[in-house]
């Protein structure tokens, strides 16, 4: 699921309007709308607030769902020896 769709689903699950969620996150509703529509990417601070509010790790919000790789999985095996 793409980030904007996931964000909208999480908001809907909590029964929140765009305005109320933006207020709860301490941000302008116009900025939040741009993020939920996928026109703008959240900065680090907003990402942290989303993570705390929804209780979902920011990686799960922002990274593609099928296969997430940790930094350790991306390293060359020789580096880890």
Protein backbone atom coordinates (compact mmCIF):
# COMPACT_ATOMS: atom_id res chain seq x y z
CA UNK A 1 0.00 0.00 0.00
CA UNK A 2 1.35 3.41 -0.92
CA UNK A 3 2.10 5.87 1.87
CA UNK A 4 -0.76 8.32 1.13
CA UNK A 5 -3.29 5.46 1.01
CA UNK A 6 -1.93 3.98 4.23
CA UNK A 7 -2.05 7.35 5.94
CA UNK A 8 -5.66 7.91 4.88
CA UNK A 9 -6.59 4.39 6.07
CA UNK A 10 -4.99 4.94 9.47
CA UNK A 11 -6.79 8.26 9.83
CA UNK A 12 -10.12 6.66 8.85
CA UNK A 13 -9.59 3.80 11.33
CA UNK A 14 -9.32 6.36 14.11
CA UNK A 15 -12.42 8.15 12.83
CA UNK A 16 -10.57 11.44 12.42
CA UNK A 17 -11.13 14.21 9.94
CA UNK A 18 -8.18 15.73 8.12
CA UNK A 19 -8.56 18.88 10.19
CA UNK A 20 -8.62 17.07 13.54
CA UNK A 21 -5.61 14.91 12.70
CA UNK A 22 -3.61 17.90 11.47
CA UNK A 23 -4.43 19.68 14.72
CA UNK A 24 -3.47 16.62 16.80
CA UNK A 25 -0.14 16.49 14.96
CA UNK A 26 0.42 20.21 15.48
CA UNK A 27 0.54 21.06 11.81
CA UNK A 28 -1.31 23.13 9.26
CA UNK A 29 -4.19 21.23 7.64
CA UNK A 30 -3.11 22.34 4.14
CA UNK A 31 0.30 20.74 4.72
CA UNK A 32 -1.30 17.55 6.00
CA UNK A 33 -3.59 17.37 2.96
CA UNK A 34 -0.58 17.65 0.64
CA UNK A 35 1.10 14.78 2.50
CA UNK A 36 -1.98 12.55 2.48
CA UNK A 37 -2.48 13.18 -1.24
CA UNK A 38 1.16 12.27 -1.91
CA UNK A 39 2.06 15.69 -3.26
CA UNK A 40 4.49 16.36 -0.43
CA UNK A 41 6.75 14.08 1.59
CA UNK A 42 6.75 14.41 5.36
CA UNK A 43 9.91 15.76 6.92
CA UNK A 44 11.62 13.93 9.78
CA UNK A 45 9.67 15.75 12.50
CA UNK A 46 6.30 15.03 10.91
CA UNK A 47 7.31 11.41 10.33
CA UNK A 48 8.13 11.03 14.01
CA UNK A 49 4.79 12.56 15.02
CA UNK A 50 2.93 10.19 12.68
CA UNK A 51 4.83 7.25 14.15
CA UNK A 52 3.98 8.27 17.71
CA UNK A 53 0.35 9.10 16.95
CA UNK A 54 -0.49 5.91 15.05
CA UNK A 55 1.92 3.60 16.88
CA UNK A 56 3.32 2.41 13.56
CA UNK A 57 7.09 2.46 12.88
CA UNK A 58 7.96 5.17 10.37
CA UNK A 59 9.69 2.57 8.18
CA UNK A 60 6.39 0.70 7.88
CA UNK A 61 4.72 3.94 6.81
CA UNK A 62 7.29 5.10 4.28
CA UNK A 63 8.96 2.00 2.82
CA UNK A 64 7.38 -0.25 0.21
CA UNK A 65 5.51 -3.12 1.84
CA UNK A 66 6.53 -6.33 0.04
CA UNK A 67 10.14 -6.66 1.12
CA UNK A 68 11.91 -4.40 3.52
CA UNK A 69 15.62 -4.85 3.95
CA UNK A 70 17.61 -3.89 6.97
CA UNK A 71 20.96 -2.21 6.66
CA UNK A 72 22.55 -5.49 7.74
CA UNK A 73 20.95 -7.37 4.84
CA UNK A 74 22.31 -4.82 2.37
CA UNK A 75 25.91 -5.03 3.57
CA UNK A 76 28.48 -7.18 1.85
CA UNK A 77 29.02 -10.44 3.75
CA UNK A 78 32.76 -9.75 3.92
CA UNK A 79 32.13 -6.60 5.92
CA UNK A 80 30.36 -8.57 8.63
CA UNK A 81 33.10 -11.19 9.03
